[in-house]
Structure formats: C-alpha cells, structure tokens
Amino acid sequence: MYAHYQGMSGTSMANAVVAGMLSYIKTFHKDWGIARIKSAIMTRDTSR
C-alpha cells in the first residue's frame, strides 16, 4: 500500500506560523515594533 500525495503550494500555513512567531517574540520583547520583529525573523542566524 502506497500513499499518494500531491504537492501543493500556498501560504495558508505560512501565515499561521509567522503569526505565531510574531506573538512568541512579542512576549519577550514587548517594546519591539512590527518592523523590528520582522527584521529579527528575516535575519535570523542559522549557521550554528
């Protein structure tokens, strides 16, 4: 039995994930604005 999956593109889950990240970051940095949080998300260092 093999399951057949179809790849689909879309942003419906991405919206929920980004909103969750924004809320999570806001809990630690209450004084940060939307632009600063966006910058922090987009420039995250993943080289470690």
C-alpha atoms as a PDB file:
ATOM      1  CA  MET A   1       0.000   0.000   0.000  1.00  0.00           C
ATOM      2  CA  TYR A   2       1.470   3.273  -1.096  1.00  0.00           C
ATOM      3  CA  ALA A   3       0.022   6.616  -0.194  1.00  0.00           C
ATOM      4  CA  HIS A   4      -0.120   9.112  -3.000  1.00  0.00           C
ATOM      5  CA  TYR A   5       0.476  12.704  -2.026  1.00  0.00           C
ATOM      6  CA  GLN A   6       0.110  15.741  -4.169  1.00  0.00           C
ATOM      7  CA  GLY A   7       2.463  18.658  -3.670  1.00  0.00           C
ATOM      8  CA  MET A   8       0.664  21.948  -3.390  1.00  0.00           C
ATOM      9  CA  SER A   9       1.949  25.454  -2.949  1.00  0.00           C
ATOM     10  CA  GLY A  10       0.281  28.061  -0.848  1.00  0.00           C
ATOM     11  CA  THR A  11       0.660  30.329   2.096  1.00  0.00           C
ATOM     12  CA  SER A  12      -2.218  29.311   4.334  1.00  0.00           C
ATOM     13  CA  MET A  13       0.028  27.510   6.857  1.00  0.00           C
ATOM     14  CA  ALA A  14       2.829  30.046   6.484  1.00  0.00           C
ATOM     15  CA  ASN A  15       0.510  32.794   7.716  1.00  0.00           C
ATOM     16  CA  ALA A  16      -0.274  30.885  10.905  1.00  0.00           C
ATOM     17  CA  VAL A  17       3.385  30.064  11.534  1.00  0.00           C
ATOM     18  CA  VAL A  18       4.543  33.662  11.061  1.00  0.00           C
ATOM     19  CA  ALA A  19       1.739  34.980  13.283  1.00  0.00           C
ATOM     20  CA  GLY A  20       2.797  32.505  15.968  1.00  0.00           C
ATOM     21  CA  MET A  21       6.433  33.546  15.673  1.00  0.00           C
ATOM     22  CA  LEU A  22       5.452  37.199  15.928  1.00  0.00           C
ATOM     23  CA  SER A  23       3.391  36.550  19.062  1.00  0.00           C
ATOM     24  CA  TYR A  24       6.159  34.480  20.630  1.00  0.00           C
ATOM     25  CA  ILE A  25       8.814  37.128  20.010  1.00  0.00           C
ATOM     26  CA  LYS A  26       6.459  39.856  21.290  1.00  0.00           C
ATOM     27  CA  THR A  27       6.154  38.063  24.648  1.00  0.00           C
ATOM     28  CA  PHE A  28       9.889  38.541  25.229  1.00  0.00           C
ATOM     29  CA  HIS A  29      10.274  41.961  23.600  1.00  0.00           C
ATOM     30  CA  LYS A  30       7.146  43.943  24.442  1.00  0.00           C
ATOM     31  CA  ASP A  31       8.724  47.211  23.340  1.00  0.00           C
ATOM     32  CA  TRP A  32       9.596  45.975  19.820  1.00  0.00           C
ATOM     33  CA  GLY A  33       7.505  47.166  16.906  1.00  0.00           C
ATOM     34  CA  ILE A  34       6.362  45.141  13.913  1.00  0.00           C
ATOM     35  CA  ALA A  35       9.272  46.285  11.726  1.00  0.00           C
ATOM     36  CA  ARG A  36      11.863  45.214  14.304  1.00  0.00           C
ATOM     37  CA  ILE A  37      10.220  41.818  14.797  1.00  0.00           C
ATOM     38  CA  LYS A  38      10.053  41.309  11.021  1.00  0.00           C
ATOM     39  CA  SER A  39      13.739  42.164  10.771  1.00  0.00           C
ATOM     40  CA  ALA A  40      14.590  39.725  13.567  1.00  0.00           C
ATOM     41  CA  ILE A  41      12.669  36.926  11.835  1.00  0.00           C
ATOM     42  CA  MET A  42      14.151  37.608   8.395  1.00  0.00           C
ATOM     43  CA  THR A  43      17.755  37.995   9.557  1.00  0.00           C
ATOM     44  CA  ARG A  44      17.890  35.029  11.958  1.00  0.00           C
ATOM     45  CA  ASP A  45      21.358  33.431  12.031  1.00  0.00           C
ATOM     46  CA  THR A  46      21.082  29.691  11.355  1.00  0.00           C
ATOM     47  CA  SER A  47      24.783  28.987  10.807  1.00  0.00           C
ATOM     48  CA  ARG A  48      25.338  27.424  14.241  1.00  0.00           C
END
